[in-house]
C-alpha atoms as a PDB file:
ATOM      1  CA  MET A   1     -24.329  29.532  45.768  1.00  0.00           C
ATOM      2  CA  SER A   2     -26.040  26.918  43.640  1.00  0.00           C
ATOM      3  CA  ARG A   3     -24.037  24.540  41.498  1.00  0.00           C
ATOM      4  CA  ARG A   4     -25.316  22.901  38.326  1.00  0.00           C
ATOM      5  CA  PRO A   5     -25.064  19.109  38.521  1.00  0.00           C
ATOM      6  CA  VAL A   6     -23.612  17.284  35.577  1.00  0.00           C
ATOM      7  CA  ASN A   7     -26.362  15.801  33.418  1.00  0.00           C
ATOM      8  CA  PRO A   8     -25.607  12.104  32.911  1.00  0.00           C
ATOM      9  CA  ALA A   9     -27.963  12.030  29.924  1.00  0.00           C
ATOM     10  CA  ARG A  10     -25.657  14.436  28.057  1.00  0.00           C
ATOM     11  CA  ARG A  11     -22.556  12.549  29.063  1.00  0.00           C
ATOM     12  CA  PHE A  12     -23.887   9.235  27.757  1.00  0.00           C
ATOM     13  CA  ALA A  13     -26.161  10.475  24.989  1.00  0.00           C
ATOM     14  CA  ASP A  14     -23.933   8.833  22.431  1.00  0.00           C
ATOM     15  CA  GLY A  15     -23.651   5.578  24.370  1.00  0.00           C
ATOM     16  CA  GLY A  16     -23.390   3.571  21.170  1.00  0.00           C
ATOM     17  CA  SER A  17     -20.165   5.348  20.247  1.00  0.00           C
ATOM     18  CA  ILE A  18     -18.391   4.929  23.604  1.00  0.00           C
ATOM     19  CA  PRO A  19     -15.061   3.242  22.793  1.00  0.00           C
ATOM     20  CA  PHE A  20     -14.323  -0.287  23.991  1.00  0.00           C
ATOM     21  CA  VAL A  21     -17.915  -0.955  25.148  1.00  0.00           C
ATOM     22  CA  GLY A  22     -18.247  -3.989  22.976  1.00  0.00           C
ATOM     23  CA  SER A  23     -14.896  -5.438  23.975  1.00  0.00           C
ATOM     24  CA  VAL A  24     -15.574  -4.932  27.692  1.00  0.00           C
ATOM     25  CA  GLN A  25     -18.940  -6.615  27.419  1.00  0.00           C
ATOM     26  CA  SER A  26     -17.484  -9.613  25.603  1.00  0.00           C
ATOM     27  CA  LYS A  27     -14.683  -9.977  28.149  1.00  0.00           C
ATOM     28  CA  THR A  28     -17.170  -9.709  30.987  1.00  0.00           C
ATOM     29  CA  ARG A  29     -19.250 -12.539  29.566  1.00  0.00           C
ATOM     30  CA  SER A  30     -16.214 -14.720  29.054  1.00  0.00           C
ATOM     31  CA  SER A  31     -14.651 -14.050  32.477  1.00  0.00           C
ATOM     32  CA  PRO A  32     -16.858 -14.349  35.587  1.00  0.00           C
ATOM     33  CA  PHE A  33     -13.885 -13.363  37.740  1.00  0.00           C
ATOM     34  CA  LEU A  34     -13.863  -9.935  36.117  1.00  0.00           C
ATOM     35  CA  SER A  35     -17.532  -9.405  37.023  1.00  0.00           C
ATOM     36  CA  ILE A  36     -16.919 -10.443  40.625  1.00  0.00           C
ATOM     37  CA  GLY A  37     -13.900  -8.183  40.804  1.00  0.00           C
ATOM     38  CA  LEU A  38     -15.873  -5.201  39.521  1.00  0.00           C
ATOM     39  CA  LEU A  39     -18.603  -5.829  42.096  1.00  0.00           C
ATOM     40  CA  VAL A  40     -16.063  -5.955  44.935  1.00  0.00           C
ATOM     41  CA  VAL A  41     -14.366  -2.760  43.802  1.00  0.00           C
ATOM     42  CA  GLY A  42     -17.739  -1.013  43.462  1.00  0.00           C
ATOM     43  CA  ALA A  43     -18.763  -2.070  46.976  1.00  0.00           C
ATOM     44  CA  ILE A  44     -15.484  -0.788  48.439  1.00  0.00           C
ATOM     45  CA  LEU A  45     -15.865   2.555  46.674  1.00  0.00           C
ATOM     46  CA  LEU A  46     -19.471   2.898  47.843  1.00  0.00           C
ATOM     47  CA  ILE A  47     -18.576   2.184  51.489  1.00  0.00           C
ATOM     48  CA  GLY A  48     -15.668   4.626  51.321  1.00  0.00           C
ATOM     49  CA  TYR A  49     -17.890   7.317  49.805  1.00  0.00           C
ATOM     50  CA  LEU A  50     -20.570   6.938  52.458  1.00  0.00           C
ATOM     51  CA  HIS A  51     -18.011   7.006  55.257  1.00  0.00           C
ATOM     52  CA  TYR A  52     -16.292  10.042  53.808  1.00  0.00           C
ATOM     53  CA  GLY A  53     -19.524  11.941  53.279  1.00  0.00           C
ATOM     54  CA  SER A  54     -20.907  11.243  56.755  1.00  0.00           C
ATOM     55  CA  GLY A  55     -17.779  12.015  58.726  1.00  0.00           C
ATOM     56  CA  GLN A  56     -16.047  14.789  56.825  1.00  0.00           C
ATOM     57  CA  SER A  57     -18.720  16.957  55.212  1.00  0.00           C
ATOM     58  CA  THR A  58     -17.150  20.115  56.646  1.00  0.00           C
ATOM     59  CA  SER A  59     -13.773  19.396  55.073  1.00  0.00           C
ATOM     60  CA  VAL A  60     -15.478  18.752  51.741  1.00  0.00           C
ATOM     61  CA  LYS A  61     -17.221  22.117  51.950  1.00  0.00           C
ATOM     62  CA  GLU A  62     -13.934  23.772  52.866  1.00  0.00           C
ATOM     63  CA  ALA A  63     -12.252  22.240  49.833  1.00  0.00           C
ATOM     64  CA  LEU A  64     -15.075  23.317  47.533  1.00  0.00           C
ATOM     65  CA  SER A  65     -15.001  26.805  49.012  1.00  0.00           C
ATOM     66  CA  LYS A  66     -11.280  27.182  48.399  1.00  0.00           C
ATOM     67  CA  VAL A  67     -11.641  26.004  44.816  1.00  0.00           C
ATOM     68  CA  GLU A  68     -14.688  28.075  43.880  1.00  0.00           C
ATOM     69  CA  GLY A  69     -14.292  31.373  45.663  1.00  0.00           C
ATOM     70  CA  GLY A  70     -11.354  31.539  48.052  1.00  0.00           C
ATOM     71  CA  SER A  71     -11.302  30.670  51.726  1.00  0.00           C
ATOM     72  CA  SER A  72     -14.668  30.976  53.441  1.00  0.00           C
ATOM     73  CA  CYS A  73     -14.633  33.044  56.609  1.00  0.00           C
ATOM     74  CA  THR A  74     -18.109  31.749  57.450  1.00  0.00           C
ATOM     75  CA  LEU A  75     -16.650  28.245  57.706  1.00  0.00           C
ATOM     76  CA  GLU A  76     -13.838  29.770  59.747  1.00  0.00           C
ATOM     77  CA  VAL A  77     -16.396  31.105  62.243  1.00  0.00           C
ATOM     78  CA  GLN A  78     -17.579  27.545  62.857  1.00  0.00           C
ATOM     79  CA  ARG A  79     -14.011  26.384  63.436  1.00  0.00           C
ATOM     80  CA  ALA A  80     -13.414  29.268  65.844  1.00  0.00           C
ATOM     81  CA  LEU A  81     -16.515  28.778  68.015  1.00  0.00           C
ATOM     82  CA  PRO A  82     -14.711  26.903  70.844  1.00  0.00           C
ATOM     83  CA  VAL A  83     -12.074  29.636  70.952  1.00  0.00           C
ATOM     84  CA  LEU A  84     -14.709  32.377  70.910  1.00  0.00           C
ATOM     85  CA  LYS A  85     -16.564  30.710  73.788  1.00  0.00           C
ATOM     86  CA  LYS A  86     -13.364  30.602  75.807  1.00  0.00           C
ATOM     87  CA  ALA A  87     -12.553  34.246  75.062  1.00  0.00           C
ATOM     88  CA  TYR A  88     -16.039  35.730  75.511  1.00  0.00           C
ATOM     89  CA  GLY A  89     -17.558  33.420  78.125  1.00  0.00           C
ATOM     90  CA  ASP A  90     -21.091  34.425  79.084  1.00  0.00           C
ATOM     91  CA  SER A  91     -21.237  36.954  76.237  1.00  0.00           C
ATOM     92  CA  MET A  92     -21.772  34.027  73.853  1.00  0.00           C
ATOM     93  CA  HIS A  93     -25.274  33.370  75.208  1.00  0.00           C
ATOM     94  CA  LYS A  94     -27.119  35.612  72.713  1.00  0.00           C
ATOM     95  CA  VAL A  95     -25.432  35.819  69.317  1.00  0.00           C
ATOM     96  CA  LEU A  96     -26.313  37.313  65.936  1.00  0.00           C
ATOM     97  CA  HIS A  97     -24.366  36.061  62.924  1.00  0.00           C
ATOM     98  CA  VAL A  98     -24.340  38.174  59.761  1.00  0.00           C
ATOM     99  CA  GLY A  99     -23.096  36.739  56.501  1.00  0.00           C
ATOM    100  CA  PRO A 100     -23.717  34.266  53.684  1.00  0.00           C
ATOM    101  CA  ASP A 101     -24.573  30.705  54.702  1.00  0.00           C
ATOM    102  CA  THR A 102     -25.609  32.044  58.101  1.00  0.00           C
ATOM    103  CA  CYS A 103     -27.951  29.068  58.568  1.00  0.00           C
ATOM    104  CA  SER A 104     -24.956  26.769  59.046  1.00  0.00           C
ATOM    105  CA  VAL A 105     -23.485  28.996  61.764  1.00  0.00           C
ATOM    106  CA  VAL A 106     -26.818  29.496  63.516  1.00  0.00           C
ATOM    107  CA  SER A 107     -27.555  25.765  63.454  1.00  0.00           C
ATOM    108  CA  LYS A 108     -24.202  25.028  65.077  1.00  0.00           C
ATOM    109  CA  LEU A 109     -24.646  27.737  67.707  1.00  0.00           C
ATOM    110  CA  LEU A 110     -28.101  26.459  68.636  1.00  0.00           C
ATOM    111  CA  LYS A 111     -26.552  23.088  69.497  1.00  0.00           C
ATOM    112  CA  GLU A 112     -24.415  24.746  72.183  1.00  0.00           C
ATOM    113  CA  ASP A 113     -25.668  24.784  75.766  1.00  0.00           C
ATOM    114  CA  ASP A 114     -27.167  28.071  77.005  1.00  0.00           C
ATOM    115  CA  THR A 115     -26.773  29.712  73.599  1.00  0.00           C
ATOM    116  CA  GLN A 116     -29.420  31.559  71.626  1.00  0.00           C
ATOM    117  CA  ALA A 117     -28.633  32.479  68.035  1.00  0.00           C
ATOM    118  CA  TRP A 118     -30.073  34.426  65.125  1.00  0.00           C
ATOM    119  CA  GLY A 119     -28.818  35.132  61.633  1.00  0.00           C
ATOM    120  CA  VAL A 120     -28.968  37.720  58.873  1.00  0.00           C
ATOM    121  CA  GLU A 121     -28.387  36.499  55.322  1.00  0.00           C
ATOM    122  CA  PRO A 122     -27.310  39.435  53.084  1.00  0.00           C
ATOM    123  CA  TYR A 123     -27.984  37.539  49.859  1.00  0.00           C
ATOM    124  CA  ASP A 124     -30.690  35.373  48.347  1.00  0.00           C
ATOM    125  CA  LEU A 125     -31.658  31.978  49.744  1.00  0.00           C
ATOM    126  CA  ASP A 126     -32.984  30.421  46.560  1.00  0.00           C
ATOM    127  CA  ASP A 127     -30.874  27.302  47.033  1.00  0.00           C
ATOM    128  CA  ALA A 128     -31.467  26.938  50.791  1.00  0.00           C
ATOM    129  CA  ASP A 129     -32.058  23.467  52.184  1.00  0.00           C
ATOM    130  CA  ALA A 130     -35.053  22.425  54.290  1.00  0.00           C
ATOM    131  CA  GLY A 131     -33.281  23.142  57.576  1.00  0.00           C
ATOM    132  CA  CYS A 132     -32.421  26.676  56.531  1.00  0.00           C
ATOM    133  CA  LYS A 133     -35.944  27.338  55.254  1.00  0.00           C
ATOM    134  CA  SER A 134     -37.248  26.190  58.637  1.00  0.00           C
ATOM    135  CA  LEU A 135     -35.025  28.739  60.417  1.00  0.00           C
ATOM    136  CA  VAL A 136     -36.319  31.459  58.090  1.00  0.00           C
ATOM    137  CA  HIS A 137     -39.935  30.376  58.669  1.00  0.00           C
ATOM    138  CA  LYS A 138     -39.408  30.620  62.449  1.00  0.00           C
ATOM    139  CA  GLY A 139     -37.911  34.112  62.104  1.00  0.00           C
ATOM    140  CA  ILE A 140     -34.532  32.983  63.474  1.00  0.00           C
ATOM    141  CA  VAL A 141     -32.826  33.800  60.172  1.00  0.00           C
ATOM    142  CA  ARG A 142     -33.738  36.844  58.117  1.00  0.00           C
ATOM    143  CA  VAL A 143     -32.774  37.966  54.635  1.00  0.00           C
ATOM    144  CA  ALA A 144     -31.835  41.643  54.792  1.00  0.00           C
ATOM    145  CA  ASP A 145     -29.677  44.126  52.893  1.00  0.00           C
ATOM    146  CA  ILE A 146     -26.991  45.082  55.419  1.00  0.00           C
ATOM    147  CA  LYS A 147     -26.352  48.373  53.626  1.00  0.00           C
ATOM    148  CA  PHE A 148     -29.464  49.623  55.399  1.00  0.00           C
ATOM    149  CA  PRO A 149     -30.460  49.733  59.118  1.00  0.00           C
ATOM    150  CA  LEU A 150     -30.895  46.296  60.670  1.00  0.00           C
ATOM    151  CA  PRO A 151     -34.418  45.365  61.888  1.00  0.00           C
ATOM    152  CA  TYR A 152     -33.370  45.084  65.548  1.00  0.00           C
ATOM    153  CA  ARG A 153     -33.389  47.344  68.575  1.00  0.00           C
ATOM    154  CA  ALA A 154     -30.180  48.614  70.174  1.00  0.00           C
ATOM    155  CA  LYS A 155     -28.345  45.987  72.261  1.00  0.00           C
ATOM    156  CA  SER A 156     -30.633  43.195  71.063  1.00  0.00           C
ATOM    157  CA  PHE A 157     -27.701  40.763  71.134  1.00  0.00           C
ATOM    158  CA  SER A 158     -24.711  40.248  73.368  1.00  0.00           C
ATOM    159  CA  LEU A 159     -22.381  39.594  70.424  1.00  0.00           C
ATOM    160  CA  VAL A 160     -22.550  40.160  66.688  1.00  0.00           C
ATOM    161  CA  ILE A 161     -20.314  38.031  64.451  1.00  0.00           C
ATOM    162  CA  VAL A 162     -19.948  39.024  60.798  1.00  0.00           C
ATOM    163  CA  SER A 163     -18.162  37.047  58.078  1.00  0.00           C
ATOM    164  CA  ASP A 164     -17.828  37.092  54.277  1.00  0.00           C
ATOM    165  CA  ALA A 165     -20.002  40.191  54.063  1.00  0.00           C
ATOM    166  CA  LEU A 166     -17.950  43.328  54.764  1.00  0.00           C
ATOM    167  CA  ASP A 167     -15.406  42.371  52.101  1.00  0.00           C
ATOM    168  CA  TYR A 168     -18.088  43.017  49.485  1.00  0.00           C
ATOM    169  CA  LEU A 169     -18.927  46.509  50.747  1.00  0.00           C
ATOM    170  CA  SER A 170     -17.311  49.738  49.653  1.00  0.00           C
ATOM    171  CA  PRO A 171     -16.182  52.199  52.380  1.00  0.00           C
ATOM    172  CA  ARG A 172     -19.335  54.197  51.676  1.00  0.00           C
ATOM    173  CA  TYR A 173     -21.542  51.336  52.840  1.00  0.00           C
ATOM    174  CA  LEU A 174     -19.147  50.199  55.548  1.00  0.00           C
ATOM    175  CA  ASN A 175     -19.761  53.586  57.160  1.00  0.00           C
ATOM    176  CA  ARG A 176     -23.418  52.573  57.559  1.00  0.00           C
ATOM    177  CA  THR A 177     -23.122  48.874  58.256  1.00  0.00           C
ATOM    178  CA  LEU A 178     -20.405  48.641  60.911  1.00  0.00           C
ATOM    179  CA  PRO A 179     -21.998  51.216  63.261  1.00  0.00           C
ATOM    180  CA  GLU A 180     -25.264  49.279  62.862  1.00  0.00           C
ATOM    181  CA  LEU A 181     -23.581  46.046  63.936  1.00  0.00           C
ATOM    182  CA  ALA A 182     -22.111  47.830  66.930  1.00  0.00           C
ATOM    183  CA  ARG A 183     -25.489  49.387  67.745  1.00  0.00           C
ATOM    184  CA  VAL A 184     -27.405  46.107  68.017  1.00  0.00           C
ATOM    185  CA  SER A 185     -24.739  44.445  70.191  1.00  0.00           C
ATOM    186  CA  SER A 186     -24.042  44.965  73.885  1.00  0.00           C
ATOM    187  CA  ASP A 187     -20.691  43.197  74.380  1.00  0.00           C
ATOM    188  CA  GLY A 188     -18.950  43.575  71.056  1.00  0.00           C
ATOM    189  CA  VAL A 189     -18.628  42.869  67.341  1.00  0.00           C
ATOM    190  CA  ILE A 190     -16.339  40.203  65.880  1.00  0.00           C
ATOM    191  CA  ILE A 191     -15.269  40.590  62.258  1.00  0.00           C
ATOM    192  CA  PHE A 192     -13.955  37.704  60.146  1.00  0.00           C
ATOM    193  CA  SER A 193     -12.396  39.160  57.004  1.00  0.00           C
ATOM    194  CA  GLY A 194     -10.303  37.693  54.194  1.00  0.00           C
ATOM    195  CA  TYR A 195      -6.583  38.300  53.996  1.00  0.00           C
ATOM    196  CA  LEU A 196      -5.178  40.664  51.404  1.00  0.00           C
ATOM    197  CA  GLY A 197      -4.207  38.650  48.343  1.00  0.00           C
ATOM    198  CA  GLN A 198      -6.704  35.833  48.846  1.00  0.00           C
ATOM    199  CA  GLN A 199      -8.473  34.488  45.783  1.00  0.00           C
ATOM    200  CA  ARG A 200     -11.239  36.810  44.652  1.00  0.00           C
ATOM    201  CA  ALA A 201     -14.782  35.785  43.725  1.00  0.00           C
ATOM    202  CA  LYS A 202     -15.336  34.308  40.288  1.00  0.00           C
ATOM    203  CA  VAL A 203     -17.330  36.142  37.648  1.00  0.00           C
ATOM    204  CA  THR A 204     -20.118  33.591  38.166  1.00  0.00           C
ATOM    205  CA  GLU A 205     -20.461  34.770  41.772  1.00  0.00           C
ATOM    206  CA  LEU A 206     -21.095  38.385  40.808  1.00  0.00           C
ATOM    207  CA  SER A 207     -24.788  37.657  40.216  1.00  0.00           C
ATOM    208  CA  LYS A 208     -25.076  36.844  43.924  1.00  0.00           C
ATOM    209  CA  PHE A 209     -22.579  39.171  45.597  1.00  0.00           C
ATOM    210  CA  GLY A 210     -22.879  42.073  43.154  1.00  0.00           C
ATOM    211  CA  ARG A 211     -19.134  42.675  43.074  1.00  0.00           C
ATOM    212  CA  PRO A 212     -15.906  40.756  43.703  1.00  0.00           C
ATOM    213  CA  ALA A 213     -14.561  40.671  47.238  1.00  0.00           C
ATOM    214  CA  LYS A 214     -12.067  43.414  48.038  1.00  0.00           C
ATOM    215  CA  TYR A 215      -9.794  42.079  50.739  1.00  0.00           C
ATOM    216  CA  ARG A 216      -8.001  44.679  52.850  1.00  0.00           C
ATOM    217  CA  SER A 217      -4.895  44.558  54.976  1.00  0.00           C
ATOM    218  CA  SER A 218      -4.997  44.678  58.781  1.00  0.00           C
ATOM    219  CA  THR A 219      -3.388  48.128  58.544  1.00  0.00           C
ATOM    220  CA  TRP A 220      -6.281  49.349  56.398  1.00  0.00           C
ATOM    221  CA  TRP A 221      -8.855  47.991  58.845  1.00  0.00           C
ATOM    222  CA  ILE A 222      -7.166  49.471  61.911  1.00  0.00           C
ATOM    223  CA  ARG A 223      -6.904  52.870  60.233  1.00  0.00           C
ATOM    224  CA  TYR A 224     -10.558  52.609  59.235  1.00  0.00           C
ATOM    225  CA  PHE A 225     -11.618  51.827  62.817  1.00  0.00           C
ATOM    226  CA  VAL A 226      -9.759  54.888  64.057  1.00  0.00           C
ATOM    227  CA  GLU A 227     -11.226  57.166  61.374  1.00  0.00           C
ATOM    228  CA  THR A 228     -14.779  55.995  62.089  1.00  0.00           C
ATOM    229  CA  LYS A 229     -14.256  56.112  65.888  1.00  0.00           C
ATOM    230  CA  LEU A 230     -14.930  52.404  66.339  1.00  0.00           C
ATOM    231  CA  GLU A 231     -12.912  51.157  69.302  1.00  0.00           C
ATOM    232  CA  GLU A 232     -11.079  47.862  69.226  1.00  0.00           C
ATOM    233  CA  ASN A 233     -11.750  45.554  72.158  1.00  0.00           C
ATOM    234  CA  GLU A 234      -8.177  44.860  73.221  1.00  0.00           C
ATOM    235  CA  ALA A 235      -9.154  42.760  76.249  1.00  0.00           C
ATOM    236  CA  ALA A 236     -11.258  40.413  74.107  1.00  0.00           C
ATOM    237  CA  ALA A 237      -8.549  40.279  71.427  1.00  0.00           C
ATOM    238  CA  ASN A 238      -5.957  39.233  74.021  1.00  0.00           C
ATOM    239  CA  LYS A 239      -8.236  36.511  75.428  1.00  0.00           C
ATOM    240  CA  PHE A 240      -8.945  35.259  71.917  1.00  0.00           C
ATOM    241  CA  GLU A 241      -5.227  35.093  71.152  1.00  0.00           C
ATOM    242  CA  GLN A 242      -4.504  33.227  74.381  1.00  0.00           C
ATOM    243  CA  ALA A 243      -7.307  30.734  73.751  1.00  0.00           C
ATOM    244  CA  SER A 244      -6.088  30.258  70.170  1.00  0.00           C
ATOM    245  CA  THR A 245      -2.583  29.464  71.388  1.00  0.00           C
ATOM    246  CA  LYS A 246      -3.831  26.901  73.913  1.00  0.00           C
ATOM    247  CA  ARG A 247      -5.920  25.144  71.263  1.00  0.00           C
ATOM    248  CA  SER A 248      -3.272  25.464  68.524  1.00  0.00           C
ATOM    249  CA  TYR A 249      -5.828  27.326  66.452  1.00  0.00           C
ATOM    250  CA  LYS A 250      -4.589  29.448  63.553  1.00  0.00           C
ATOM    251  CA  PRO A 251      -7.314  31.513  61.861  1.00  0.00           C
ATOM    252  CA  ALA A 252      -7.485  31.323  58.082  1.00  0.00           C
ATOM    253  CA  CYS A 253      -9.096  34.775  58.124  1.00  0.00           C
ATOM    254  CA  GLN A 254      -8.361  38.062  59.821  1.00  0.00           C
ATOM    255  CA  VAL A 255     -10.248  38.446  63.100  1.00  0.00           C
ATOM    256  CA  PHE A 256     -11.024  41.850  64.620  1.00  0.00           C
ATOM    257  CA  HIS A 257     -12.740  42.564  67.934  1.00  0.00           C
ATOM    258  CA  LEU A 258     -14.707  45.820  68.330  1.00  0.00           C
ATOM    259  CA  ARG A 259     -16.545  47.380  71.237  1.00  0.00           C
ATOM    260  CA  SER A 260     -20.262  48.036  71.055  1.00  0.00           C
ATOM    261  CA  LEU A 261     -21.767  51.501  70.835  1.00  0.00           C
ATOM    262  CA  HIS A 262     -23.175  52.590  74.195  1.00  0.00           C
END
């Protein structure tokens, strides 16, 4: 989702009326120590900013996500990748991720050894960066409405991971989409869904998602799986839980493991 940067021209349009400008300038001229001090402080802030931005970009995105639209399950997928690899083993060699900001997940998966990855972005990519546009140009990432059949053959992927997408679908469309995800996978479908009571999408997000997220309880999801005859993969769920315990990993989203349709 694009964010409008603050226009510095508007902020300082009335520069002549900014209070204390004249007094600061006069003090600066009269005190060289003040000028030196300001330069030192500015240098320290700049170094700290560069260090923070280069080493903790993920945490910044997580913070922004929590402020602007609730916890991001797509970011949670990236955190969970080591646990998923431990739980699914060789099944992680050919993965399809479905959800917003899929380029970030695909890019991270492609850095893993012996892993092929593709992505489906359910929404627009108007604000995509150069790396994401490159993935789209190569056909690795596609923009597709997941309420309709996916453009892949049955069992095209070993695993399908979906995040931040099903929460925006009504049961009517879930009935189409979930069987499709199970159809194009051979070893299972992993769902990352928001917890009931999590912050809903802002009104400004409706232009992109079409509707606010409707988070459901685990009881609702389990009942839905039974009603639609989608089987939970208990073996994979147990391995995931064991791997999570060993790594002290606590998901910020609900995680469900389903079997593929054979």
